[in-house]
Amino acid sequence: MSTHRLPLEANGHLISRESELEVLRLDITGGLVVFDGQHRCAFCDRWPTFNITEAVVAVQDPCPYPDGITTTITFNVPSGKLLVTDDLRPIYDWNDKKFASYNSAIGKAQAIKAMAAIGCAFGPASDRGLNLYRTAPDTYIIATPSYDDDDNPSIPENTRLARIYTDLWAYSMVDYQAWKTRGGDPDKLDWSDTVVDIPPGTYQVVHHSGERGFERDVAETVIWAHMERIA
């Protein structure tokens, strides 16, 4: 037996960040069996079915999300006060038993939409620090800034409205009054929670981490989401 690396034709799926897969030649049968990179697609959460030849490893069925997933939701902030943090459980949570794996883009999109349905703008992130910034009177970003050699951030500090400490590897934002109505206790808020004043209205949040090509661990500024008041 010997190992080979063959070109990968992924058919839109993301099953390996490399352009090749390692395969094992079984000299007894003459067959080829993939043993490295047999993972569910990071976009659609499906197990790939391979067609393997001497020259290439090709995934047979196309991914329904070849560009990844951009998730757009809306939520209301009628009080004009926005609670910003990472984790609002158990006041805001979802049941993921019927969802795809949370490790996939479709699973994360399902979680985002489930949280939006109960009034929470939620988005998976990483353990890097996030911040909510105002970019114009009615537009905002959730981003991880980069820093120069003098430790100056790439996004002006005077535009930052809230820090998000990512123990949950996520951000969560809700109308402060709605949070209290659902049972939130202001006395239990701590240094990791921020209440900020924004214009009352309906907000749209466009979340980007499920998109093909999104890189979280880079030296540049990482924008996780854009937020805009639309009504």
Protein backbone atom coordinates (compact mmCIF):
# COMPACT_ATOMS: atom_id res chain seq x y z
CA MET A 1 0.00 0.00 0.00
CA SER A 2 1.15 3.53 -0.74
CA THR A 3 -0.30 6.99 -0.32
CA HIS A 4 -0.90 9.54 -3.04
CA ARG A 5 -2.22 13.07 -3.24
CA LEU A 6 -4.76 13.61 -5.99
CA PRO A 7 -6.38 16.85 -7.18
CA LEU A 8 -9.75 17.55 -5.60
CA GLU A 9 -12.76 18.67 -7.62
CA ALA A 10 -15.06 19.73 -4.80
CA ASN A 11 -18.12 20.68 -6.90
CA GLY A 12 -18.76 23.75 -4.74
CA HIS A 13 -18.38 21.97 -1.40
CA LEU A 14 -15.85 22.93 1.27
CA ILE A 15 -14.50 19.63 2.58
CA SER A 16 -10.82 20.56 2.62
CA ARG A 17 -8.95 23.83 2.54
CA GLU A 18 -6.41 22.20 0.27
CA SER A 19 -6.72 21.60 -3.46
CA GLU A 20 -5.75 17.95 -3.02
CA LEU A 21 -6.77 14.96 -0.94
CA GLU A 22 -4.60 12.16 0.34
CA VAL A 23 -5.69 8.75 -0.88
CA LEU A 24 -4.66 5.20 -0.16
CA ARG A 25 -3.96 2.78 -3.01
CA LEU A 26 -5.01 -0.75 -2.19
CA ASP A 27 -2.68 -2.81 -4.36
CA ILE A 28 -4.67 -6.00 -3.83
CA THR A 29 -7.83 -4.69 -5.48
CA GLY A 30 -6.39 -1.81 -7.44
CA GLY A 31 -8.98 0.49 -5.84
CA LEU A 32 -8.52 3.91 -4.30
CA VAL A 33 -10.03 4.93 -0.97
CA VAL A 34 -10.00 8.46 0.46
CA PHE A 35 -8.88 8.42 4.08
CA ASP A 36 -7.90 12.04 4.67
CA GLY A 37 -10.42 14.84 4.30
CA GLN A 38 -13.56 12.72 4.60
CA HIS A 39 -15.59 15.39 6.33
CA ARG A 40 -19.01 16.90 5.94
CA CYS A 41 -19.14 19.99 3.79
CA ALA A 42 -18.50 23.09 5.91
CA PHE A 43 -21.26 24.88 3.99
CA CYS A 44 -24.15 22.43 3.51
CA ASP A 45 -23.25 19.85 6.22
CA ARG A 46 -23.61 16.94 3.79
CA TRP A 47 -21.27 13.96 3.47
CA PRO A 48 -19.67 14.06 0.02
CA THR A 49 -19.92 11.16 -2.40
CA PHE A 50 -16.65 10.74 -4.30
CA ASN A 51 -15.86 9.50 -7.75
CA ILE A 52 -12.19 8.51 -7.55
CA THR A 53 -9.93 7.75 -10.50
CA GLU A 54 -6.20 7.49 -10.97
CA ALA A 55 -6.13 11.20 -11.77
CA VAL A 56 -8.67 13.02 -9.58
CA VAL A 57 -10.98 12.90 -6.56
CA ALA A 58 -14.30 14.40 -7.66
CA VAL A 59 -17.38 15.09 -5.53
CA GLN A 60 -20.44 13.87 -7.41
CA ASP A 61 -23.30 16.04 -6.10
CA PRO A 62 -22.97 19.85 -6.20
CA CYS A 63 -23.13 21.93 -3.03
CA PRO A 64 -26.34 23.99 -2.82
CA TYR A 65 -24.30 26.84 -1.31
CA PRO A 66 -21.13 27.09 -3.43
CA ASP A 67 -20.54 30.69 -2.32
CA GLY A 68 -21.20 29.90 1.31
CA ILE A 69 -24.07 31.58 3.14
CA THR A 70 -24.69 35.25 3.85
CA THR A 71 -27.36 35.43 6.55
CA THR A 72 -29.65 38.47 6.73
CA ILE A 73 -32.13 39.05 9.55
CA THR A 74 -34.14 41.93 11.00
CA PHE A 75 -34.95 42.75 14.60
CA ASN A 76 -36.69 45.58 16.41
CA VAL A 77 -35.30 48.05 18.93
CA PRO A 78 -38.41 50.08 19.84
CA SER A 79 -36.99 51.34 23.14
CA GLY A 80 -33.87 52.84 21.54
CA LYS A 81 -31.75 50.95 24.05
CA LEU A 82 -29.70 48.03 22.78
CA LEU A 83 -28.25 45.37 25.07
CA VAL A 84 -24.97 44.14 23.55
CA THR A 85 -23.10 41.09 24.84
CA ASP A 86 -22.05 37.61 23.78
CA ASP A 87 -24.42 35.30 25.66
CA LEU A 88 -28.05 35.96 26.58
CA ARG A 89 -28.97 32.43 27.60
CA PRO A 90 -31.35 31.33 29.02
CA ILE A 91 -33.47 34.38 28.15
CA TYR A 92 -32.67 33.99 24.44
CA ASP A 93 -31.74 30.55 23.14
CA TRP A 94 -32.65 28.03 20.46
CA ASN A 95 -33.21 24.30 20.19
CA ASP A 96 -30.65 22.97 17.73
CA LYS A 97 -31.81 19.35 17.69
CA LYS A 98 -33.56 19.84 14.35
CA PHE A 99 -30.77 21.92 12.81
CA ALA A 100 -27.71 20.99 10.81
CA SER A 101 -24.41 20.86 12.67
CA TYR A 102 -23.47 24.17 14.25
CA ASN A 103 -20.00 23.60 12.78
CA SER A 104 -21.44 24.22 9.30
CA ALA A 105 -22.50 27.46 7.63
CA ILE A 106 -26.08 26.22 7.21
CA GLY A 107 -26.26 25.21 10.88
CA LYS A 108 -25.04 28.63 11.99
CA ALA A 109 -27.51 30.32 9.63
CA GLN A 110 -30.33 28.28 11.14
CA ALA A 111 -29.29 29.37 14.64
CA ILE A 112 -29.10 33.03 13.57
CA LYS A 113 -32.60 32.90 12.10
CA ALA A 114 -34.02 31.05 15.10
CA MET A 115 -32.69 33.74 17.42
CA ALA A 116 -33.99 36.52 15.16
CA ALA A 117 -37.45 34.96 15.33
CA ILE A 118 -37.51 35.68 19.08
CA GLY A 119 -36.02 39.16 18.74
CA CYS A 120 -32.29 38.61 19.17
CA ALA A 121 -29.61 39.55 16.64
CA PHE A 122 -27.16 36.69 17.18
CA GLY A 123 -24.06 35.80 15.23
CA PRO A 124 -21.34 33.15 15.60
CA ALA A 125 -17.84 34.59 15.83
CA SER A 126 -14.54 33.46 17.32
CA ASP A 127 -12.64 34.00 20.54
CA ARG A 128 -11.12 37.20 19.15
CA GLY A 129 -12.47 40.39 20.69
CA LEU A 130 -15.39 41.95 18.87
CA ASN A 131 -16.73 45.47 19.03
CA LEU A 132 -19.88 47.25 17.88
CA TYR A 133 -18.99 50.41 15.93
CA ARG A 134 -21.14 53.20 14.53
CA THR A 135 -20.10 53.99 10.95
CA ALA A 136 -22.82 56.58 10.15
CA PRO A 137 -25.99 57.85 11.85
CA ASP A 138 -27.92 54.67 10.98
CA THR A 139 -25.20 52.13 10.10
CA TYR A 140 -22.99 49.96 12.25
CA ILE A 141 -20.50 47.11 12.03
CA ILE A 142 -19.49 44.31 14.35
CA ALA A 143 -15.77 43.92 13.80
CA THR A 144 -12.42 42.81 15.13
CA PRO A 145 -9.93 45.63 14.51
CA SER A 146 -6.33 45.19 13.53
CA TYR A 147 -3.49 47.09 15.20
CA ASP A 148 -0.38 48.79 13.86
CA ASP A 149 3.09 48.65 15.36
CA ASP A 150 2.16 51.41 17.81
CA ASP A 151 -0.93 49.49 18.93
CA ASN A 152 -3.32 51.88 17.22
CA PRO A 153 -6.57 50.20 16.11
CA SER A 154 -7.67 50.19 12.49
CA ILE A 155 -11.13 51.49 13.49
CA PRO A 156 -11.36 54.79 15.41
CA GLU A 157 -11.97 54.24 19.11
CA ASN A 158 -14.47 57.10 19.23
CA THR A 159 -16.83 55.10 16.99
CA ARG A 160 -16.93 52.09 19.31
CA LEU A 161 -20.23 51.69 21.15
CA ALA A 162 -19.62 48.38 22.92
CA ARG A 163 -17.01 45.73 23.52
CA ILE A 164 -18.12 42.12 23.11
CA TYR A 165 -16.24 39.59 25.23
CA THR A 166 -16.59 36.33 23.37
CA ASP A 167 -16.70 33.55 25.97
CA LEU A 168 -19.51 32.10 23.83
CA TRP A 169 -17.67 32.90 20.56
CA ALA A 170 -20.66 34.96 19.44
CA TYR A 171 -22.42 38.30 19.66
CA SER A 172 -25.99 38.85 20.86
CA MET A 173 -28.00 42.08 20.67
CA VAL A 174 -31.56 42.69 21.82
CA ASP A 175 -33.90 45.52 22.70
CA TYR A 176 -33.21 46.23 26.35
CA GLN A 177 -36.87 46.60 27.33
CA ALA A 178 -37.84 43.42 25.45
CA TRP A 179 -35.06 41.57 27.30
CA LYS A 180 -36.47 42.75 30.63
CA THR A 181 -40.00 41.77 29.59
CA ARG A 182 -38.78 38.22 28.84
CA GLY A 183 -37.33 37.97 32.33
CA GLY A 184 -33.94 39.64 32.08
CA ASP A 185 -32.67 41.00 35.40
CA PRO A 186 -30.71 44.27 35.11
CA ASP A 187 -29.07 43.56 38.48
CA LYS A 188 -27.38 40.51 36.93
CA LEU A 189 -25.68 42.46 34.14
CA ASP A 190 -21.93 42.79 34.59
CA TRP A 191 -18.85 44.39 33.03
CA SER A 192 -19.20 42.26 29.89
CA ASP A 193 -22.68 43.63 29.09
CA THR A 194 -23.31 47.04 27.55
CA VAL A 195 -26.53 49.00 27.04
CA VAL A 196 -26.18 51.61 24.29
CA ASP A 197 -28.53 54.25 22.94
CA ILE A 198 -29.42 53.95 19.25
CA PRO A 199 -32.33 55.39 17.24
CA PRO A 200 -35.51 53.35 17.79
CA GLY A 201 -36.57 51.30 14.80
CA THR A 202 -36.17 48.12 12.80
CA TYR A 203 -32.62 47.01 12.08
CA GLN A 204 -31.20 44.69 9.46
CA VAL A 205 -28.11 42.65 10.26
CA VAL A 206 -26.09 40.97 7.52
CA HIS A 207 -23.79 38.27 8.92
CA HIS A 208 -20.71 37.28 6.90
CA SER A 209 -18.78 34.48 8.60
CA GLY A 210 -20.51 31.74 6.58
CA GLU A 211 -19.36 33.18 3.25
CA ARG A 212 -16.77 31.47 1.09
CA GLY A 213 -13.44 33.22 1.52
CA PHE A 214 -14.27 34.69 4.94
CA GLU A 215 -11.14 34.57 7.08
CA ARG A 216 -11.31 35.23 10.79
CA ASP A 217 -7.66 34.71 11.73
CA VAL A 218 -6.01 37.41 9.66
CA ALA A 219 -3.96 40.49 10.51
CA GLU A 220 -6.45 42.83 8.83
CA THR A 221 -9.75 44.14 10.16
CA VAL A 222 -12.40 41.42 10.25
CA ILE A 223 -16.00 42.56 9.75
CA TRP A 224 -18.40 39.95 11.07
CA ALA A 225 -21.63 41.80 10.40
CA HIS A 226 -23.13 44.99 9.00
CA MET A 227 -26.14 46.52 10.74
CA GLU A 228 -28.43 49.24 9.42
CA ARG A 229 -31.64 50.89 10.59
CA ILE A 230 -34.13 50.29 7.77
CA ALA A 231 -37.42 51.53 9.28
